[in-house]
Amino acid sequence: MVHQELTQHPYHYTALIIIEALLLSLYTTTTDSLLKTIFAILVGSAYAIWGISVHAGSIRTPRLVLEYAIVGLLGTLMLSFLISVT
């Protein structure tokens, strides 16, 4: 399945990696906790929006939309947890 996705949408995954890398680099270089929270929300939102927009034509059920939204939310929660720990 991953191979099929990569052959169908190679540039979409490249864009996702670049966007997430930029947001995560801003996240790690920022010392202000409010900005870190904003970047954490952006990381999770970028993944969820990317997944929904790339696969919008092939989404037949709301389940796949929920999967992207949940993974994006989990990413946001994990980064926010790291903010509170550090």
Protein backbone atom coordinates (compact mmCIF):
# COMPACT_ATOMS: atom_id res chain seq x y z
CA MET A 1 0.00 0.00 0.00
CA VAL A 2 2.82 2.42 0.80
CA HIS A 3 4.49 1.66 -2.53
CA GLN A 4 1.23 2.34 -4.36
CA GLU A 5 0.79 5.64 -2.54
CA LEU A 6 4.36 6.71 -3.25
CA THR A 7 4.04 5.93 -6.96
CA GLN A 8 0.70 7.73 -7.24
CA HIS A 9 1.54 10.81 -5.15
CA PRO A 10 5.34 11.20 -4.93
CA TYR A 11 5.26 15.01 -4.82
CA HIS A 12 2.56 15.09 -2.18
CA TYR A 13 4.75 13.13 0.22
CA THR A 14 7.73 15.33 -0.59
CA ALA A 15 5.66 18.40 0.21
CA LEU A 16 4.50 16.83 3.48
CA ILE A 17 8.06 16.04 4.54
CA ILE A 18 9.26 19.56 3.71
CA ILE A 19 6.36 21.26 5.52
CA GLU A 20 6.69 19.04 8.59
CA ALA A 21 10.48 19.49 8.65
CA LEU A 22 10.14 23.27 8.56
CA LEU A 23 7.52 23.31 11.30
CA LEU A 24 9.49 20.90 13.49
CA SER A 25 12.70 22.91 13.02
CA LEU A 26 10.85 26.05 14.09
CA TYR A 27 9.43 24.07 17.01
CA THR A 28 12.85 22.92 18.21
CA THR A 29 14.57 26.29 17.82
CA THR A 30 11.87 28.24 19.66
CA THR A 31 12.24 28.71 23.40
CA ASP A 32 8.90 30.41 24.10
CA SER A 33 6.31 27.86 25.23
CA LEU A 34 3.40 29.73 23.62
CA LEU A 35 5.12 29.65 20.22
CA LYS A 36 5.96 25.99 20.74
CA THR A 37 2.29 25.28 21.39
CA ILE A 38 1.33 27.15 18.22
CA PHE A 39 3.89 25.21 16.17
CA ALA A 40 2.67 21.94 17.71
CA ILE A 41 -0.88 22.77 16.63
CA LEU A 42 0.38 23.67 13.16
CA VAL A 43 2.27 20.38 12.83
CA GLY A 44 -0.80 18.34 13.68
CA SER A 45 -3.10 20.49 11.57
CA ALA A 46 -0.75 20.39 8.58
CA TYR A 47 -0.73 16.60 8.61
CA ALA A 48 -4.50 16.33 8.97
CA ILE A 49 -5.21 18.92 6.26
CA TRP A 50 -2.61 17.36 3.96
CA GLY A 51 -4.07 13.88 4.32
CA ILE A 52 -7.62 15.00 3.78
CA SER A 53 -6.80 17.21 0.78
CA VAL A 54 -4.55 14.68 -0.98
CA HIS A 55 -6.97 11.80 -0.56
CA ALA A 56 -10.22 13.76 -0.87
CA GLY A 57 -11.08 12.11 -4.18
CA SER A 58 -10.57 8.62 -2.84
CA ILE A 59 -12.19 9.06 0.56
CA ARG A 60 -15.41 7.10 0.50
CA THR A 61 -16.09 6.95 4.20
CA PRO A 62 -15.60 9.37 7.07
CA ARG A 63 -13.34 6.76 8.70
CA LEU A 64 -10.29 7.79 6.66
CA VAL A 65 -10.94 11.46 7.40
CA LEU A 66 -11.08 10.61 11.11
CA GLU A 67 -7.82 8.66 10.86
CA TYR A 68 -5.95 11.66 9.46
CA ALA A 69 -7.56 13.99 11.99
CA ILE A 70 -6.73 11.65 14.89
CA VAL A 71 -3.11 11.19 13.81
CA GLY A 72 -2.77 14.97 13.46
CA LEU A 73 -4.30 15.44 16.90
CA LEU A 74 -1.97 12.83 18.41
CA GLY A 75 1.02 14.62 16.89
CA THR A 76 -0.14 17.87 18.44
CA LEU A 77 -0.69 16.23 21.83
CA MET A 78 2.72 14.55 21.81
CA LEU A 79 4.52 17.79 21.00
CA SER A 80 2.46 19.65 23.61
CA PHE A 81 3.40 17.01 26.17
CA LEU A 82 7.06 17.59 25.33
CA ILE A 83 6.54 21.31 25.97
CA SER A 84 5.16 20.64 29.43
CA VAL A 85 7.96 18.20 30.28
CA THR A 86 10.82 20.49 29.23
